[in-house]
Amino acid sequence: MKKETYYLPGYQKKSRTFTLIIVGIIVFVFVLFPFIAVNLRYQVGSIFSTIFDSIGTLCMTFGGILTLFSILSLFAQRSFRSRYLIMGIVLLWVGCWCTGAVIEIFGFTIGNEHATGGYHYFLLRLH
């Protein structure tokens, strides 16, 4: 008696190429990726640094404009808009946080937060 073979539609046997692809991915991740990841980390960091600098510059520009208009409204015949002054100072603070700049308004320093240097800074302080 002849044995009959049935095939399901869309079902295929696993081929050797699938196994070779999986082995190739594992070799890449464990052998080659650690050498490439160092450069990738610096490239991603520079991309985020550029993005944060752009956002910070825009915030500082709009914050400066709002602060200037609110201060000039004191000398004009119009009413003083304190919400524009508050929004301007908050935008200046966000801009200083993103770019690392320091601004002084009426003797108040905005953006002078000193962060620690991280792990390497801590190790240098121990010696």
PDB file of N, CA and C in Angstrom:
ATOM      1  N   MET A   1       0.829  -1.154   0.000  1.00  0.00           N
ATOM      2  CA  MET A   1       0.000   0.000   0.000  1.00  0.00           C
ATOM      3  C   MET A   1       0.891   1.241   0.000  1.00  0.00           C
ATOM      4  N   LYS A   2       0.518   2.232  -0.771  1.00  0.00           N
ATOM      5  CA  LYS A   2       1.300   3.448  -0.920  1.00  0.00           C
ATOM      6  C   LYS A   2       0.874   4.460   0.147  1.00  0.00           C
ATOM      7  N   LYS A   3       1.887   5.051   0.795  1.00  0.00           N
ATOM      8  CA  LYS A   3       1.612   6.047   1.810  1.00  0.00           C
ATOM      9  C   LYS A   3       1.313   7.381   1.139  1.00  0.00           C
ATOM     10  N   GLU A   4       0.209   8.003   1.524  1.00  0.00           N
ATOM     11  CA  GLU A   4      -0.172   9.272   0.920  1.00  0.00           C
ATOM     12  C   GLU A   4       0.384  10.423   1.761  1.00  0.00           C
ATOM     13  N   THR A   5       0.781  11.493   1.089  1.00  0.00           N
ATOM     14  CA  THR A   5       1.308  12.674   1.751  1.00  0.00           C
ATOM     15  C   THR A   5       0.335  13.826   1.544  1.00  0.00           C
ATOM     16  N   TYR A   6      -0.001  14.478   2.637  1.00  0.00           N
ATOM     17  CA  TYR A   6      -0.910  15.618   2.576  1.00  0.00           C
ATOM     18  C   TYR A   6      -0.134  16.892   2.907  1.00  0.00           C
ATOM     19  N   TYR A   7      -0.426  17.957   2.194  1.00  0.00           N
ATOM     20  CA  TYR A   7       0.221  19.245   2.422  1.00  0.00           C
ATOM     21  C   TYR A   7      -0.831  20.287   2.789  1.00  0.00           C
ATOM     22  N   LEU A   8      -0.536  21.035   3.804  1.00  0.00           N
ATOM     23  CA  LEU A   8      -1.411  22.135   4.182  1.00  0.00           C
ATOM     24  C   LEU A   8      -1.033  23.370   3.375  1.00  0.00           C
ATOM     25  N   PRO A   9      -2.012  24.149   2.938  1.00  0.00           N
ATOM     26  CA  PRO A   9      -1.658  25.363   2.185  1.00  0.00           C
ATOM     27  C   PRO A   9      -0.935  26.364   3.089  1.00  0.00           C
ATOM     28  N   GLY A  10       0.156  26.932   2.593  1.00  0.00           N
ATOM     29  CA  GLY A  10       0.930  27.903   3.346  1.00  0.00           C
ATOM     30  C   GLY A  10       1.934  27.284   4.290  1.00  0.00           C
ATOM     31  N   TYR A  11       1.967  25.984   4.432  1.00  0.00           N
ATOM     32  CA  TYR A  11       2.904  25.328   5.331  1.00  0.00           C
ATOM     33  C   TYR A  11       4.094  24.844   4.532  1.00  0.00           C
ATOM     34  N   GLN A  12       5.281  25.181   5.032  1.00  0.00           N
ATOM     35  CA  GLN A  12       6.504  24.708   4.385  1.00  0.00           C
ATOM     36  C   GLN A  12       7.426  24.169   5.471  1.00  0.00           C
ATOM     37  N   LYS A  13       8.266  23.257   5.049  1.00  0.00           N
ATOM     38  CA  LYS A  13       9.257  22.739   5.979  1.00  0.00           C
ATOM     39  C   LYS A  13      10.307  23.821   6.234  1.00  0.00           C
ATOM     40  N   LYS A  14      10.873  23.819   7.443  1.00  0.00           N
ATOM     41  CA  LYS A  14      11.929  24.778   7.747  1.00  0.00           C
ATOM     42  C   LYS A  14      13.154  24.406   6.938  1.00  0.00           C
ATOM     43  N   SER A  15      13.688  25.379   6.275  1.00  0.00           N
ATOM     44  CA  SER A  15      14.846  25.110   5.435  1.00  0.00           C
ATOM     45  C   SER A  15      16.130  25.450   6.182  1.00  0.00           C
ATOM     46  N   ARG A  16      17.212  25.114   5.568  1.00  0.00           N
ATOM     47  CA  ARG A  16      18.511  25.415   6.161  1.00  0.00           C
ATOM     48  C   ARG A  16      18.799  26.899   6.121  1.00  0.00           C
ATOM     49  N   THR A  17      18.241  27.608   5.156  1.00  0.00           N
ATOM     50  CA  THR A  17      18.509  29.040   5.073  1.00  0.00           C
ATOM     51  C   THR A  17      17.940  29.776   6.281  1.00  0.00           C
ATOM     52  N   PHE A  18      16.780  29.339   6.768  1.00  0.00           N
ATOM     53  CA  PHE A  18      16.205  29.950   7.957  1.00  0.00           C
ATOM     54  C   PHE A  18      17.127  29.750   9.154  1.00  0.00           C
ATOM     55  N   THR A  19      17.669  28.555   9.297  1.00  0.00           N
ATOM     56  CA  THR A  19      18.585  28.267  10.397  1.00  0.00           C
ATOM     57  C   THR A  19      19.867  29.080  10.255  1.00  0.00           C
ATOM     58  N   LEU A  20      20.367  29.213   9.043  1.00  0.00           N
ATOM     59  CA  LEU A  20      21.579  30.003   8.822  1.00  0.00           C
ATOM     60  C   LEU A  20      21.340  31.486   9.110  1.00  0.00           C
ATOM     61  N   ILE A  21      20.164  31.975   8.804  1.00  0.00           N
ATOM     62  CA  ILE A  21      19.843  33.379   9.100  1.00  0.00           C
ATOM     63  C   ILE A  21      19.832  33.608  10.609  1.00  0.00           C
ATOM     64  N   ILE A  22      19.212  32.703  11.360  1.00  0.00           N
ATOM     65  CA  ILE A  22      19.171  32.829  12.819  1.00  0.00           C
ATOM     66  C   ILE A  22      20.576  32.764  13.404  1.00  0.00           C
ATOM     67  N   VAL A  23      21.405  31.828  12.938  1.00  0.00           N
ATOM     68  CA  VAL A  23      22.790  31.713  13.425  1.00  0.00           C
ATOM     69  C   VAL A  23      23.571  32.977  13.057  1.00  0.00           C
ATOM     70  N   GLY A  24      23.368  33.524  11.878  1.00  0.00           N
ATOM     71  CA  GLY A  24      24.039  34.756  11.459  1.00  0.00           C
ATOM     72  C   GLY A  24      23.667  35.939  12.332  1.00  0.00           C
ATOM     73  N   ILE A  25      22.396  36.037  12.689  1.00  0.00           N
ATOM     74  CA  ILE A  25      21.960  37.130  13.560  1.00  0.00           C
ATOM     75  C   ILE A  25      22.598  36.996  14.941  1.00  0.00           C
ATOM     76  N   ILE A  26      22.645  35.779  15.462  1.00  0.00           N
ATOM     77  CA  ILE A  26      23.242  35.560  16.782  1.00  0.00           C
ATOM     78  C   ILE A  26      24.731  35.887  16.758  1.00  0.00           C
ATOM     79  N   VAL A  27      25.445  35.479  15.719  1.00  0.00           N
ATOM     80  CA  VAL A  27      26.872  35.786  15.604  1.00  0.00           C
ATOM     81  C   VAL A  27      27.080  37.298  15.507  1.00  0.00           C
ATOM     82  N   PHE A  28      26.232  37.970  14.731  1.00  0.00           N
ATOM     83  CA  PHE A  28      26.358  39.416  14.595  1.00  0.00           C
ATOM     84  C   PHE A  28      26.146  40.113  15.929  1.00  0.00           C
ATOM     85  N   VAL A  29      25.120  39.705  16.660  1.00  0.00           N
ATOM     86  CA  VAL A  29      24.796  40.376  17.922  1.00  0.00           C
ATOM     87  C   VAL A  29      25.890  40.154  18.962  1.00  0.00           C
ATOM     88  N   PHE A  30      26.419  38.956  19.048  1.00  0.00           N
ATOM     89  CA  PHE A  30      27.381  38.670  20.108  1.00  0.00           C
ATOM     90  C   PHE A  30      28.831  38.919  19.729  1.00  0.00           C
ATOM     91  N   VAL A  31      29.161  38.926  18.435  1.00  0.00           N
ATOM     92  CA  VAL A  31      30.564  39.072  18.040  1.00  0.00           C
ATOM     93  C   VAL A  31      30.838  40.449  17.438  1.00  0.00           C
ATOM     94  N   LEU A  32      30.053  40.868  16.454  1.00  0.00           N
ATOM     95  CA  LEU A  32      30.345  42.109  15.749  1.00  0.00           C
ATOM     96  C   LEU A  32      29.710  43.346  16.377  1.00  0.00           C
ATOM     97  N   PHE A  33      28.525  43.215  16.941  1.00  0.00           N
ATOM     98  CA  PHE A  33      27.801  44.376  17.451  1.00  0.00           C
ATOM     99  C   PHE A  33      28.531  45.121  18.559  1.00  0.00           C
ATOM    100  N   PRO A  34      29.240  44.449  19.494  1.00  0.00           N
ATOM    101  CA  PRO A  34      29.960  45.223  20.524  1.00  0.00           C
ATOM    102  C   PRO A  34      31.002  46.176  19.951  1.00  0.00           C
ATOM    103  N   PHE A  35      31.601  45.853  18.822  1.00  0.00           N
ATOM    104  CA  PHE A  35      32.579  46.751  18.215  1.00  0.00           C
ATOM    105  C   PHE A  35      31.894  47.918  17.508  1.00  0.00           C
ATOM    106  N   ILE A  36      30.733  47.681  16.955  1.00  0.00           N
ATOM    107  CA  ILE A  36      29.995  48.715  16.230  1.00  0.00           C
ATOM    108  C   ILE A  36      29.210  49.592  17.200  1.00  0.00           C
ATOM    109  N   ALA A  37      28.790  49.048  18.337  1.00  0.00           N
ATOM    110  CA  ALA A  37      27.902  49.756  19.261  1.00  0.00           C
ATOM    111  C   ALA A  37      28.548  50.996  19.864  1.00  0.00           C
ATOM    112  N   VAL A  38      29.859  51.019  20.031  1.00  0.00           N
ATOM    113  CA  VAL A  38      30.516  52.191  20.600  1.00  0.00           C
ATOM    114  C   VAL A  38      30.321  53.387  19.679  1.00  0.00           C
ATOM    115  N   ASN A  39      30.568  53.208  18.407  1.00  0.00           N
ATOM    116  CA  ASN A  39      30.357  54.301  17.451  1.00  0.00           C
ATOM    117  C   ASN A  39      28.882  54.651  17.340  1.00  0.00           C
ATOM    118  N   LEU A  40      28.025  53.664  17.408  1.00  0.00           N
ATOM    119  CA  LEU A  40      26.587  53.896  17.315  1.00  0.00           C
ATOM    120  C   LEU A  40      26.105  54.723  18.500  1.00  0.00           C
ATOM    121  N   ARG A  41      26.657  54.480  19.676  1.00  0.00           N
ATOM    122  CA  ARG A  41      26.264  55.239  20.868  1.00  0.00           C
ATOM    123  C   ARG A  41      26.596  56.712  20.695  1.00  0.00           C
ATOM    124  N   TYR A  42      27.785  57.020  20.170  1.00  0.00           N
ATOM    125  CA  TYR A  42      28.168  58.418  19.986  1.00  0.00           C
ATOM    126  C   TYR A  42      27.356  59.079  18.878  1.00  0.00           C
ATOM    127  N   GLN A  43      27.016  58.334  17.837  1.00  0.00           N
ATOM    128  CA  GLN A  43      26.198  58.905  16.767  1.00  0.00           C
ATOM    129  C   GLN A  43      24.791  59.218  17.258  1.00  0.00           C
ATOM    130  N   VAL A  44      24.199  58.307  18.012  1.00  0.00           N
ATOM    131  CA  VAL A  44      22.853  58.554  18.554  1.00  0.00           C
ATOM    132  C   VAL A  44      22.904  59.712  19.545  1.00  0.00           C
ATOM    133  N   GLY A  45      23.956  59.778  20.351  1.00  0.00           N
ATOM    134  CA  GLY A  45      24.106  60.888  21.289  1.00  0.00           C
ATOM    135  C   GLY A  45      24.233  62.227  20.587  1.00  0.00           C
ATOM    136  N   SER A  46      24.973  62.272  19.482  1.00  0.00           N
ATOM    137  CA  SER A  46      25.109  63.541  18.759  1.00  0.00           C
ATOM    138  C   SER A  46      23.799  63.935  18.087  1.00  0.00           C
ATOM    139  N   ILE A  47      23.020  62.958  17.651  1.00  0.00           N
ATOM    140  CA  ILE A  47      21.715  63.274  17.063  1.00  0.00           C
ATOM    141  C   ILE A  47      20.802  63.874  18.117  1.00  0.00           C
ATOM    142  N   PHE A  48      20.730  63.253  19.307  1.00  0.00           N
ATOM    143  CA  PHE A  48      19.885  63.790  20.373  1.00  0.00           C
ATOM    144  C   PHE A  48      20.400  65.137  20.868  1.00  0.00           C
ATOM    145  N   SER A  49      21.710  65.329  20.888  1.00  0.00           N
ATOM    146  CA  SER A  49      22.269  66.614  21.296  1.00  0.00           C
ATOM    147  C   SER A  49      21.847  67.713  20.337  1.00  0.00           C
ATOM    148  N   THR A  50      21.868  67.434  19.053  1.00  0.00           N
ATOM    149  CA  THR A  50      21.428  68.414  18.056  1.00  0.00           C
ATOM    150  C   THR A  50      19.951  68.724  18.201  1.00  0.00           C
ATOM    151  N   ILE A  51      19.146  67.698  18.449  1.00  0.00           N
ATOM    152  CA  ILE A  51      17.704  67.906  18.622  1.00  0.00           C
ATOM    153  C   ILE A  51      17.435  68.764  19.856  1.00  0.00           C
ATOM    154  N   PHE A  52      18.084  68.448  20.992  1.00  0.00           N
ATOM    155  CA  PHE A  52      17.865  69.219  22.212  1.00  0.00           C
ATOM    156  C   PHE A  52      18.386  70.648  22.078  1.00  0.00           C
ATOM    157  N   ASP A  53      19.501  70.843  21.369  1.00  0.00           N
ATOM    158  CA  ASP A  53      19.995  72.202  21.159  1.00  0.00           C
ATOM    159  C   ASP A  53      19.017  73.018  20.319  1.00  0.00           C
ATOM    160  N   SER A  54      18.420  72.390  19.308  1.00  0.00           N
ATOM    161  CA  SER A  54      17.443  73.100  18.479  1.00  0.00           C
ATOM    162  C   SER A  54      16.201  73.459  19.278  1.00  0.00           C
ATOM    163  N   ILE A  55      15.700  72.521  20.056  1.00  0.00           N
ATOM    164  CA  ILE A  55      14.529  72.790  20.894  1.00  0.00           C
ATOM    165  C   ILE A  55      14.855  73.884  21.918  1.00  0.00           C
ATOM    166  N   GLY A  56      16.032  73.814  22.524  1.00  0.00           N
ATOM    167  CA  GLY A  56      16.435  74.813  23.502  1.00  0.00           C
ATOM    168  C   GLY A  56      16.574  76.197  22.895  1.00  0.00           C
ATOM    169  N   THR A  57      17.112  76.279  21.685  1.00  0.00           N
ATOM    170  CA  THR A  57      17.252  77.568  21.019  1.00  0.00           C
ATOM    171  C   THR A  57      15.890  78.175  20.707  1.00  0.00           C
ATOM    172  N   LEU A  58      14.961  77.340  20.237  1.00  0.00           N
ATOM    173  CA  LEU A  58      13.610  77.845  19.971  1.00  0.00           C
ATOM    174  C   LEU A  58      12.924  78.309  21.251  1.00  0.00           C
ATOM    175  N   CYS A  59      13.057  77.542  22.310  1.00  0.00           N
ATOM    176  CA  CYS A  59      12.443  77.936  23.591  1.00  0.00           C
ATOM    177  C   CYS A  59      13.047  79.230  24.112  1.00  0.00           C
ATOM    178  N   MET A  60      14.358  79.371  24.001  1.00  0.00           N
ATOM    179  CA  MET A  60      14.991  80.596  24.467  1.00  0.00           C
ATOM    180  C   MET A  60      14.577  81.798  23.629  1.00  0.00           C
ATOM    181  N   THR A  61      14.419  81.608  22.336  1.00  0.00           N
ATOM    182  CA  THR A  61      13.998  82.710  21.470  1.00  0.00           C
ATOM    183  C   THR A  61      12.588  83.161  21.820  1.00  0.00           C
ATOM    184  N   PHE A  62      11.646  82.218  21.864  1.00  0.00           N
ATOM    185  CA  PHE A  62      10.268  82.584  22.173  1.00  0.00           C
ATOM    186  C   PHE A  62      10.124  83.069  23.616  1.00  0.00           C
ATOM    187  N   GLY A  63      10.867  82.490  24.535  1.00  0.00           N
ATOM    188  CA  GLY A  63      10.835  82.937  25.919  1.00  0.00           C
ATOM    189  C   GLY A  63      11.374  84.348  26.070  1.00  0.00           C
ATOM    190  N   GLY A  64      12.444  84.656  25.349  1.00  0.00           N
ATOM    191  CA  GLY A  64      12.991  86.014  25.383  1.00  0.00           C
ATOM    192  C   GLY A  64      12.028  87.035  24.796  1.00  0.00           C
ATOM    193  N   ILE A  65      11.369  86.664  23.703  1.00  0.00           N
ATOM    194  CA  ILE A  65      10.392  87.565  23.083  1.00  0.00           C
ATOM    195  C   ILE A  65       9.221  87.806  24.026  1.00  0.00           C
ATOM    196  N   LEU A  66       8.682  86.759  24.631  1.00  0.00           N
ATOM    197  CA  LEU A  66       7.560  86.923  25.563  1.00  0.00           C
ATOM    198  C   LEU A  66       7.953  87.747  26.791  1.00  0.00           C
ATOM    199  N   THR A  67       9.137  87.501  27.311  1.00  0.00           N
ATOM    200  CA  THR A  67       9.597  88.262  28.469  1.00  0.00           C
ATOM    201  C   THR A  67       9.792  89.731  28.107  1.00  0.00           C
ATOM    202  N   LEU A  68      10.373  89.989  26.956  1.00  0.00           N
ATOM    203  CA  LEU A  68      10.584  91.360  26.501  1.00  0.00           C
ATOM    204  C   LEU A  68       9.259  92.097  26.313  1.00  0.00           C
ATOM    205  N   PHE A  69       8.281  91.453  25.680  1.00  0.00           N
ATOM    206  CA  PHE A  69       6.980  92.090  25.478  1.00  0.00           C
ATOM    207  C   PHE A  69       6.259  92.344  26.797  1.00  0.00           C
ATOM    208  N   SER A  70       6.391  91.421  27.738  1.00  0.00           N
ATOM    209  CA  SER A  70       5.722  91.640  29.029  1.00  0.00           C
ATOM    210  C   SER A  70       6.379  92.772  29.808  1.00  0.00           C
ATOM    211  N   ILE A  71       7.701  92.914  29.709  1.00  0.00           N
ATOM    212  CA  ILE A  71       8.392  94.015  30.389  1.00  0.00           C
ATOM    213  C   ILE A  71       8.075  95.342  29.700  1.00  0.00           C
ATOM    214  N   LEU A  72       8.028  95.338  28.367  1.00  0.00           N
ATOM    215  CA  LEU A  72       7.685  96.565  27.642  1.00  0.00           C
ATOM    216  C   LEU A  72       6.236  96.977  27.871  1.00  0.00           C
ATOM    217  N   SER A  73       5.368  96.033  28.187  1.00  0.00           N
ATOM    218  CA  SER A  73       3.975  96.391  28.452  1.00  0.00           C
ATOM    219  C   SER A  73       3.820  97.183  29.751  1.00  0.00           C
ATOM    220  N   LEU A  74       4.833  97.134  30.627  1.00  0.00           N
ATOM    221  CA  LEU A  74       4.809  97.967  31.840  1.00  0.00           C
ATOM    222  C   LEU A  74       4.888  99.450  31.490  1.00  0.00           C
ATOM    223  N   PHE A  75       5.668  99.764  30.442  1.00  0.00           N
ATOM    224  CA  PHE A  75       5.871 101.156  30.063  1.00  0.00           C
ATOM    225  C   PHE A  75       4.833 101.658  29.073  1.00  0.00           C
ATOM    226  N   ALA A  76       4.078 100.771  28.487  1.00  0.00           N
ATOM    227  CA  ALA A  76       3.056 101.164  27.520  1.00  0.00           C
ATOM    228  C   ALA A  76       1.754 101.475  28.251  1.00  0.00           C
ATOM    229  N   GLN A  77       0.786 101.948  27.521  1.00  0.00           N
ATOM    230  CA  GLN A  77      -0.514 102.266  28.096  1.00  0.00           C
ATOM    231  C   GLN A  77      -1.355 101.008  28.308  1.00  0.00           C
ATOM    232  N   ARG A  78      -0.903  99.892  27.789  1.00  0.00           N
ATOM    233  CA  ARG A  78      -1.657  98.647  27.911  1.00  0.00           C
ATOM    234  C   ARG A  78      -1.485  98.044  29.294  1.00  0.00           C
ATOM    235  N   SER A  79      -2.345  97.113  29.605  1.00  0.00           N
ATOM    236  CA  SER A  79      -2.253  96.458  30.916  1.00  0.00           C
ATOM    237  C   SER A  79      -1.113  95.438  30.925  1.00  0.00           C
ATOM    238  N   PHE A  80      -0.571  95.232  32.096  1.00  0.00           N
ATOM    239  CA  PHE A  80       0.543  94.300  32.265  1.00  0.00           C
ATOM    240  C   PHE A  80       0.018  92.868  32.209  1.00  0.00           C
ATOM    241  N   ARG A  81       0.634  92.062  31.400  1.00  0.00           N
ATOM    242  CA  ARG A  81       0.247  90.657  31.256  1.00  0.00           C
ATOM    243  C   ARG A  81       1.258  89.789  31.996  1.00  0.00           C
ATOM    244  N   SER A  82       0.920  89.406  33.200  1.00  0.00           N
ATOM    245  CA  SER A  82       1.857  88.609  34.002  1.00  0.00           C
ATOM    246  C   SER A  82       1.988  87.186  33.475  1.00  0.00           C
ATOM    247  N   ARG A  83       0.958  86.684  32.808  1.00  0.00           N
ATOM    248  CA  ARG A  83       1.063  85.306  32.295  1.00  0.00           C
ATOM    249  C   ARG A  83       2.111  85.205  31.194  1.00  0.00           C
ATOM    250  N   TYR A  84       2.297  86.297  30.403  1.00  0.00           N
ATOM    251  CA  TYR A  84       3.345  86.273  29.384  1.00  0.00           C
ATOM    252  C   TYR A  84       4.733  86.285  30.021  1.00  0.00           C
ATOM    253  N   LEU A  85       4.865  87.004  31.116  1.00  0.00           N
ATOM    254  CA  LEU A  85       6.141  87.010  31.829  1.00  0.00           C
ATOM    255  C   LEU A  85       6.446  85.624  32.391  1.00  0.00           C
ATOM    256  N   ILE A  86       5.456  84.979  32.977  1.00  0.00           N
ATOM    257  CA  ILE A  86       5.657  83.636  33.529  1.00  0.00           C
ATOM    258  C   ILE A  86       5.954  82.634  32.425  1.00  0.00           C
ATOM    259  N   MET A  87       5.201  82.689  31.319  1.00  0.00           N
ATOM    260  CA  MET A  87       5.469  81.769  30.199  1.00  0.00           C
ATOM    261  C   MET A  87       6.848  82.020  29.602  1.00  0.00           C
ATOM    262  N   GLY A  88       7.252  83.286  29.516  1.00  0.00           N
ATOM    263  CA  GLY A  88       8.578  83.609  28.987  1.00  0.00           C
ATOM    264  C   GLY A  88       9.687  83.074  29.867  1.00  0.00           C
ATOM    265  N   ILE A  89       9.538  83.214  31.181  1.00  0.00           N
ATOM    266  CA  ILE A  89      10.571  82.713  32.098  1.00  0.00           C
ATOM    267  C   ILE A  89      10.630  81.189  32.076  1.00  0.00           C
ATOM    268  N   VAL A  90       9.469  80.548  31.990  1.00  0.00           N
ATOM    269  CA  VAL A  90       9.461  79.080  31.915  1.00  0.00           C
ATOM    270  C   VAL A  90      10.111  78.611  30.607  1.00  0.00           C
ATOM    271  N   LEU A  91       9.807  79.288  29.501  1.00  0.00           N
ATOM    272  CA  LEU A  91      10.444  78.915  28.231  1.00  0.00           C
ATOM    273  C   LEU A  91      11.946  79.168  28.271  1.00  0.00           C
ATOM    274  N   LEU A  92      12.357  80.244  28.910  1.00  0.00           N
ATOM    275  CA  LEU A  92      13.798  80.486  29.065  1.00  0.00           C
ATOM    276  C   LEU A  92      14.447  79.393  29.909  1.00  0.00           C
ATOM    277  N   TRP A  93      13.773  78.960  30.964  1.00  0.00           N
ATOM    278  CA  TRP A  93      14.330  77.903  31.808  1.00  0.00           C
ATOM    279  C   TRP A  93      14.460  76.593  31.037  1.00  0.00           C
ATOM    280  N   VAL A  94      13.420  76.246  30.257  1.00  0.00           N
ATOM    281  CA  VAL A  94      13.480  75.018  29.451  1.00  0.00           C
ATOM    282  C   VAL A  94      14.585  75.123  28.409  1.00  0.00           C
ATOM    283  N   GLY A  95      14.718  76.286  27.783  1.00  0.00           N
ATOM    284  CA  GLY A  95      15.784  76.486  26.799  1.00  0.00           C
ATOM    285  C   GLY A  95      17.161  76.380  27.416  1.00  0.00           C
ATOM    286  N   CYS A  96      17.328  76.942  28.618  1.00  0.00           N
ATOM    287  CA  CYS A  96      18.620  76.829  29.309  1.00  0.00           C
ATOM    288  C   CYS A  96      18.904  75.393  29.718  1.00  0.00           C
ATOM    289  N   TRP A  97      17.871  74.672  30.103  1.00  0.00           N
ATOM    290  CA  TRP A  97      18.058  73.272  30.477  1.00  0.00           C
ATOM    291  C   TRP A  97      18.476  72.441  29.271  1.00  0.00           C
ATOM    292  N   CYS A  98      17.899  72.729  28.106  1.00  0.00           N
ATOM    293  CA  CYS A  98      18.220  71.943  26.904  1.00  0.00           C
ATOM    294  C   CYS A  98      19.595  72.285  26.342  1.00  0.00           C
ATOM    295  N   THR A  99      20.001  73.554  26.410  1.00  0.00           N
ATOM    296  CA  THR A  99      21.266  73.954  25.800  1.00  0.00           C
ATOM    297  C   THR A  99      22.418  74.064  26.779  1.00  0.00           C
ATOM    298  N   GLY A 100      22.121  74.201  28.070  1.00  0.00           N
ATOM    299  CA  GLY A 100      23.176  74.351  29.067  1.00  0.00           C
ATOM    300  C   GLY A 100      23.624  75.789  29.247  1.00  0.00           C
ATOM    301  N   ALA A 101      22.860  76.751  28.745  1.00  0.00           N
ATOM    302  CA  ALA A 101      23.200  78.165  28.872  1.00  0.00           C
ATOM    303  C   ALA A 101      22.767  78.696  30.240  1.00  0.00           C
ATOM    304  N   VAL A 102      23.283  79.886  30.582  1.00  0.00           N
ATOM    305  CA  VAL A 102      22.925  80.548  31.837  1.00  0.00           C
ATOM    306  C   VAL A 102      22.470  81.958  31.497  1.00  0.00           C
ATOM    307  N   ILE A 103      21.304  82.360  32.017  1.00  0.00           N
ATOM    308  CA  ILE A 103      20.748  83.688  31.760  1.00  0.00           C
ATOM    309  C   ILE A 103      20.420  84.335  33.105  1.00  0.00           C
ATOM    310  N   GLU A 104      20.664  85.637  33.210  1.00  0.00           N
ATOM    311  CA  GLU A 104      20.291  86.387  34.407  1.00  0.00           C
ATOM    312  C   GLU A 104      19.235  87.407  34.048  1.00  0.00           C
ATOM    313  N   ILE A 105      18.115  87.409  34.788  1.00  0.00           N
ATOM    314  CA  ILE A 105      17.046  88.383  34.610  1.00  0.00           C
ATOM    315  C   ILE A 105      16.774  89.005  35.967  1.00  0.00           C
ATOM    316  N   PHE A 106      16.974  90.308  36.073  1.00  0.00           N
ATOM    317  CA  PHE A 106      16.744  91.052  37.314  1.00  0.00           C
ATOM    318  C   PHE A 106      17.503  90.444  38.491  1.00  0.00           C
ATOM    319  N   GLY A 107      18.700  89.948  38.252  1.00  0.00           N
ATOM    320  CA  GLY A 107      19.498  89.371  39.315  1.00  0.00           C
ATOM    321  C   GLY A 107      19.205  87.918  39.629  1.00  0.00           C
ATOM    322  N   PHE A 108      18.203  87.353  38.985  1.00  0.00           N
ATOM    323  CA  PHE A 108      17.883  85.937  39.185  1.00  0.00           C
ATOM    324  C   PHE A 108      18.555  85.119  38.088  1.00  0.00           C
ATOM    325  N   THR A 109      19.254  84.091  38.469  1.00  0.00           N
ATOM    326  CA  THR A 109      19.952  83.247  37.512  1.00  0.00           C
ATOM    327  C   THR A 109      19.042  82.120  37.064  1.00  0.00           C
ATOM    328  N   ILE A 110      18.954  81.970  35.750  1.00  0.00           N
ATOM    329  CA  ILE A 110      18.142  80.901  35.171  1.00  0.00           C
ATOM    330  C   ILE A 110      19.083  79.930  34.470  1.00  0.00           C
ATOM    331  N   GLY A 111      18.961  78.659  34.794  1.00  0.00           N
ATOM    332  CA  GLY A 111      19.735  77.641  34.090  1.00  0.00           C
ATOM    333  C   GLY A 111      21.113  77.400  34.646  1.00  0.00           C
ATOM    334  N   ASN A 112      21.334  77.553  35.943  1.00  0.00           N
ATOM    335  CA  ASN A 112      22.653  77.333  36.519  1.00  0.00           C
ATOM    336  C   ASN A 112      22.681  76.069  37.359  1.00  0.00           C
ATOM    337  N   GLU A 113      22.031  75.018  36.883  1.00  0.00           N
ATOM    338  CA  GLU A 113      22.043  73.762  37.615  1.00  0.00           C
ATOM    339  C   GLU A 113      23.315  73.005  37.263  1.00  0.00           C
ATOM    340  N   HIS A 114      24.094  72.681  38.272  1.00  0.00           N
ATOM    341  CA  HIS A 114      25.325  71.930  38.035  1.00  0.00           C
ATOM    342  C   HIS A 114      25.055  70.459  38.259  1.00  0.00           C
ATOM    343  N   ALA A 115      25.138  69.692  37.192  1.00  0.00           N
ATOM    344  CA  ALA A 115      24.982  68.247  37.307  1.00  0.00           C
ATOM    345  C   ALA A 115      26.339  67.627  37.602  1.00  0.00           C
ATOM    346  N   THR A 116      26.312  66.485  38.209  1.00  0.00           N
ATOM    347  CA  THR A 116      27.563  65.792  38.474  1.00  0.00           C
ATOM    348  C   THR A 116      28.122  65.261  37.162  1.00  0.00           C
ATOM    349  N   GLY A 117      29.401  65.008  37.165  1.00  0.00           N
ATOM    350  CA  GLY A 117      30.064  64.524  35.970  1.00  0.00           C
ATOM    351  C   GLY A 117      29.834  63.058  35.696  1.00  0.00           C
ATOM    352  N   GLY A 118      29.052  62.391  36.507  1.00  0.00           N
ATOM    353  CA  GLY A 118      28.760  60.984  36.281  1.00  0.00           C
ATOM    354  C   GLY A 118      29.751  60.073  36.978  1.00  0.00           C
ATOM    355  N   TYR A 119      29.810  58.866  36.490  1.00  0.00           N
ATOM    356  CA  TYR A 119      30.625  57.822  37.112  1.00  0.00           C
ATOM    357  C   TYR A 119      32.109  58.185  37.093  1.00  0.00           C
ATOM    358  N   HIS A 120      32.614  58.666  35.959  1.00  0.00           N
ATOM    359  CA  HIS A 120      34.036  58.972  35.848  1.00  0.00           C
ATOM    360  C   HIS A 120      34.413  60.156  36.743  1.00  0.00           C
ATOM    361  N   TYR A 121      33.527  61.129  36.868  1.00  0.00           N
ATOM    362  CA  TYR A 121      33.771  62.261  37.755  1.00  0.00           C
ATOM    363  C   TYR A 121      33.886  61.776  39.195  1.00  0.00           C
ATOM    364  N   PHE A 122      33.031  60.842  39.572  1.00  0.00           N
ATOM    365  CA  PHE A 122      33.074  60.295  40.926  1.00  0.00           C
ATOM    366  C   PHE A 122      34.396  59.560  41.180  1.00  0.00           C
ATOM    367  N   LEU A 123      34.865  58.797  40.203  1.00  0.00           N
ATOM    368  CA  LEU A 123      36.114  58.078  40.368  1.00  0.00           C
ATOM    369  C   LEU A 123      37.299  59.017  40.479  1.00  0.00           C
ATOM    370  N   LEU A 124      37.282  60.132  39.722  1.00  0.00           N
ATOM    371  CA  LEU A 124      38.370  61.087  39.812  1.00  0.00           C
ATOM    372  C   LEU A 124      38.396  61.782  41.172  1.00  0.00           C
ATOM    373  N   ARG A 125      37.221  61.991  41.757  1.00  0.00           N
ATOM    374  CA  ARG A 125      37.146  62.650  43.063  1.00  0.00           C
ATOM    375  C   ARG A 125      37.676  61.736  44.173  1.00  0.00           C
ATOM    376  N   LEU A 126      37.657  60.416  43.969  1.00  0.00           N
ATOM    377  CA  LEU A 126      38.150  59.493  44.984  1.00  0.00           C
ATOM    378  C   LEU A 126      39.666  59.531  45.114  1.00  0.00           C
ATOM    379  N   HIS A 127      40.359  59.820  44.025  1.00  0.00           N
ATOM    380  CA  HIS A 127      41.833  59.773  44.045  1.00  0.00           C
ATOM    381  C   HIS A 127      42.444  61.022  44.558  1.00  0.00           C
TER     382      HIS A 127
END
